[in-house]
Amino acid sequence: MPRILAALALLVSACASPLSPAPDLAGTWAESFSIPGESLILTLDSSGSGQGTYAFEAGRSGIVQVTGTVVHSTITLVIRYDYGLIQTFIGILADANHLMGGIGDNSTLTFTRR
């Protein structure tokens, strides 16, 4: 019986060890663009879901809907534009104010918390 209690105590202490908290994404995030007139601004809840606005240089502008998930430290944002485009951002919270990652194979994005 003492061995069972010792094993149970060890199991409980292992399960009770703190895990790193999920990143809190609540707030307004703006993508860093080097092109004047372009913007992607997202207002997210703590899980990364929300909505936002976009503008293309000398082109269309409109709204986006965002569905977010956080698994460990990986953040996935599915961004649905009002004209049908769907993009998936995968990244990490680099620090309290910078979300870094990419969409697809060729683009690296940085969002800054406002």
C-alpha atoms as a PDB file:
ATOM      1  CA  MET A   1       0.000   0.000   0.000  1.00  0.00           C
ATOM      2  CA  PRO A   2       2.784   2.551   0.764  1.00  0.00           C
ATOM      3  CA  ARG A   3       4.210   2.003  -2.754  1.00  0.00           C
ATOM      4  CA  ILE A   4       0.830   2.720  -4.316  1.00  0.00           C
ATOM      5  CA  LEU A   5       0.474   5.910  -2.268  1.00  0.00           C
ATOM      6  CA  ALA A   6       4.005   6.999  -3.187  1.00  0.00           C
ATOM      7  CA  ALA A   7       3.335   6.352  -6.890  1.00  0.00           C
ATOM      8  CA  LEU A   8       0.045   8.224  -6.684  1.00  0.00           C
ATOM      9  CA  ALA A   9       1.730  11.189  -4.950  1.00  0.00           C
ATOM     10  CA  LEU A  10       4.419  11.274  -7.647  1.00  0.00           C
ATOM     11  CA  LEU A  11       1.776  11.184 -10.399  1.00  0.00           C
ATOM     12  CA  VAL A  12      -0.237  13.995  -8.809  1.00  0.00           C
ATOM     13  CA  SER A  13       2.841  16.178  -8.349  1.00  0.00           C
ATOM     14  CA  ALA A  14       3.846  15.627 -11.990  1.00  0.00           C
ATOM     15  CA  CYS A  15       0.366  16.585 -13.192  1.00  0.00           C
ATOM     16  CA  ALA A  16       0.298  19.647 -10.957  1.00  0.00           C
ATOM     17  CA  SER A  17       3.525  21.104 -12.318  1.00  0.00           C
ATOM     18  CA  PRO A  18       2.855  24.471 -13.908  1.00  0.00           C
ATOM     19  CA  LEU A  19       2.723  24.680 -17.654  1.00  0.00           C
ATOM     20  CA  SER A  20       3.673  27.854 -19.422  1.00  0.00           C
ATOM     21  CA  PRO A  21       0.554  29.936 -19.921  1.00  0.00           C
ATOM     22  CA  ALA A  22      -0.856  30.348 -23.409  1.00  0.00           C
ATOM     23  CA  PRO A  23      -0.007  33.679 -25.020  1.00  0.00           C
ATOM     24  CA  ASP A  24      -2.665  36.330 -24.438  1.00  0.00           C
ATOM     25  CA  LEU A  25      -3.510  37.885 -27.792  1.00  0.00           C
ATOM     26  CA  ALA A  26      -6.231  40.244 -26.569  1.00  0.00           C
ATOM     27  CA  GLY A  27      -5.859  43.667 -28.116  1.00  0.00           C
ATOM     28  CA  THR A  28      -5.316  45.449 -31.389  1.00  0.00           C
ATOM     29  CA  TRP A  29      -2.503  44.292 -33.661  1.00  0.00           C
ATOM     30  CA  ALA A  30      -1.179  46.078 -36.755  1.00  0.00           C
ATOM     31  CA  GLU A  31       0.931  44.389 -39.411  1.00  0.00           C
ATOM     32  CA  SER A  32       4.201  46.181 -40.115  1.00  0.00           C
ATOM     33  CA  PHE A  33       4.187  47.282 -43.767  1.00  0.00           C
ATOM     34  CA  SER A  34       6.930  49.062 -45.686  1.00  0.00           C
ATOM     35  CA  ILE A  35       4.493  50.072 -48.452  1.00  0.00           C
ATOM     36  CA  PRO A  36       2.555  53.300 -47.833  1.00  0.00           C
ATOM     37  CA  GLY A  37      -1.200  52.865 -47.964  1.00  0.00           C
ATOM     38  CA  GLU A  38      -1.212  49.162 -47.002  1.00  0.00           C
ATOM     39  CA  SER A  39      -2.592  47.988 -43.681  1.00  0.00           C
ATOM     40  CA  LEU A  40      -3.904  44.958 -41.854  1.00  0.00           C
ATOM     41  CA  ILE A  41      -5.248  45.723 -38.380  1.00  0.00           C
ATOM     42  CA  LEU A  42      -6.737  42.969 -36.218  1.00  0.00           C
ATOM     43  CA  THR A  43      -8.689  43.279 -32.979  1.00  0.00           C
ATOM     44  CA  LEU A  44      -8.397  39.932 -31.231  1.00  0.00           C
ATOM     45  CA  ASP A  45      -9.634  38.258 -28.059  1.00  0.00           C
ATOM     46  CA  SER A  46      -7.284  36.247 -25.839  1.00  0.00           C
ATOM     47  CA  SER A  47      -7.484  33.178 -28.114  1.00  0.00           C
ATOM     48  CA  GLY A  48      -6.763  35.128 -31.299  1.00  0.00           C
ATOM     49  CA  SER A  49     -10.283  35.315 -32.733  1.00  0.00           C
ATOM     50  CA  GLY A  50     -11.833  38.594 -33.794  1.00  0.00           C
ATOM     51  CA  GLN A  51     -12.109  40.926 -36.733  1.00  0.00           C
ATOM     52  CA  GLY A  52     -10.234  43.703 -38.431  1.00  0.00           C
ATOM     53  CA  THR A  53      -9.676  45.878 -41.461  1.00  0.00           C
ATOM     54  CA  TYR A  54      -7.331  45.843 -44.417  1.00  0.00           C
ATOM     55  CA  ALA A  55      -6.270  48.229 -47.164  1.00  0.00           C
ATOM     56  CA  PHE A  56      -4.191  47.543 -50.276  1.00  0.00           C
ATOM     57  CA  GLU A  57      -2.087  50.292 -51.835  1.00  0.00           C
ATOM     58  CA  ALA A  58      -4.237  52.103 -54.412  1.00  0.00           C
ATOM     59  CA  GLY A  59      -6.706  49.234 -54.198  1.00  0.00           C
ATOM     60  CA  ARG A  60      -9.507  47.729 -52.244  1.00  0.00           C
ATOM     61  CA  SER A  61     -10.085  47.934 -48.536  1.00  0.00           C
ATOM     62  CA  GLY A  62     -12.524  46.139 -46.295  1.00  0.00           C
ATOM     63  CA  ILE A  63     -12.990  43.859 -43.325  1.00  0.00           C
ATOM     64  CA  VAL A  64     -11.579  40.521 -42.205  1.00  0.00           C
ATOM     65  CA  GLN A  65     -12.815  37.873 -39.799  1.00  0.00           C
ATOM     66  CA  VAL A  66     -10.188  36.004 -37.770  1.00  0.00           C
ATOM     67  CA  THR A  67     -10.381  32.591 -36.140  1.00  0.00           C
ATOM     68  CA  GLY A  68      -7.469  31.934 -33.816  1.00  0.00           C
ATOM     69  CA  THR A  69      -6.049  28.948 -32.005  1.00  0.00           C
ATOM     70  CA  VAL A  70      -3.129  28.678 -29.612  1.00  0.00           C
ATOM     71  CA  VAL A  71      -1.384  25.343 -29.065  1.00  0.00           C
ATOM     72  CA  HIS A  72       1.525  25.599 -26.635  1.00  0.00           C
ATOM     73  CA  SER A  73       3.394  28.619 -28.015  1.00  0.00           C
ATOM     74  CA  THR A  74       2.224  28.293 -31.635  1.00  0.00           C
ATOM     75  CA  ILE A  75      -0.430  30.747 -32.757  1.00  0.00           C
ATOM     76  CA  THR A  76      -2.582  30.078 -35.807  1.00  0.00           C
ATOM     77  CA  LEU A  77      -4.800  32.809 -37.235  1.00  0.00           C
ATOM     78  CA  VAL A  78      -7.137  32.014 -40.125  1.00  0.00           C
ATOM     79  CA  ILE A  79      -7.854  35.372 -41.779  1.00  0.00           C
ATOM     80  CA  ARG A  80     -10.946  35.561 -44.027  1.00  0.00           C
ATOM     81  CA  TYR A  81     -11.155  38.626 -46.250  1.00  0.00           C
ATOM     82  CA  ASP A  82     -14.543  40.004 -47.278  1.00  0.00           C
ATOM     83  CA  TYR A  83     -13.836  39.229 -50.955  1.00  0.00           C
ATOM     84  CA  GLY A  84     -13.153  35.516 -50.410  1.00  0.00           C
ATOM     85  CA  LEU A  85      -9.397  35.225 -49.832  1.00  0.00           C
ATOM     86  CA  ILE A  86      -8.442  33.030 -46.863  1.00  0.00           C
ATOM     87  CA  GLN A  87      -4.920  33.162 -45.450  1.00  0.00           C
ATOM     88  CA  THR A  88      -3.435  31.227 -42.536  1.00  0.00           C
ATOM     89  CA  PHE A  89      -0.849  32.942 -40.358  1.00  0.00           C
ATOM     90  CA  ILE A  90       1.312  30.690 -38.169  1.00  0.00           C
ATOM     91  CA  GLY A  91       3.633  32.298 -35.665  1.00  0.00           C
ATOM     92  CA  ILE A  92       4.668  32.975 -32.097  1.00  0.00           C
ATOM     93  CA  LEU A  93       4.394  35.803 -29.610  1.00  0.00           C
ATOM     94  CA  ALA A  94       8.008  37.007 -29.741  1.00  0.00           C
ATOM     95  CA  ASP A  95       7.464  39.339 -26.789  1.00  0.00           C
ATOM     96  CA  ALA A  96       4.492  41.079 -25.194  1.00  0.00           C
ATOM     97  CA  ASN A  97       4.060  43.400 -28.184  1.00  0.00           C
ATOM     98  CA  HIS A  98       5.259  41.490 -31.262  1.00  0.00           C
ATOM     99  CA  LEU A  99       3.623  38.598 -33.059  1.00  0.00           C
ATOM    100  CA  MET A 100       5.988  37.067 -35.636  1.00  0.00           C
ATOM    101  CA  GLY A 101       5.386  34.376 -38.220  1.00  0.00           C
ATOM    102  CA  GLY A 102       4.333  33.861 -41.776  1.00  0.00           C
ATOM    103  CA  ILE A 103       1.674  33.115 -44.314  1.00  0.00           C
ATOM    104  CA  GLY A 104       2.601  30.364 -46.725  1.00  0.00           C
ATOM    105  CA  ASP A 105       6.191  29.629 -47.631  1.00  0.00           C
ATOM    106  CA  ASN A 106       7.331  33.028 -48.832  1.00  0.00           C
ATOM    107  CA  SER A 107       6.172  35.734 -46.487  1.00  0.00           C
ATOM    108  CA  THR A 108       7.331  36.736 -43.037  1.00  0.00           C
ATOM    109  CA  LEU A 109       4.996  39.000 -41.070  1.00  0.00           C
ATOM    110  CA  THR A 110       5.276  40.980 -37.885  1.00  0.00           C
ATOM    111  CA  PHE A 111       2.277  42.356 -36.020  1.00  0.00           C
ATOM    112  CA  THR A 112       2.782  44.993 -33.346  1.00  0.00           C
ATOM    113  CA  ARG A 113       0.367  45.436 -30.462  1.00  0.00           C
ATOM    114  CA  ARG A 114      -1.098  48.949 -30.390  1.00  0.00           C
END
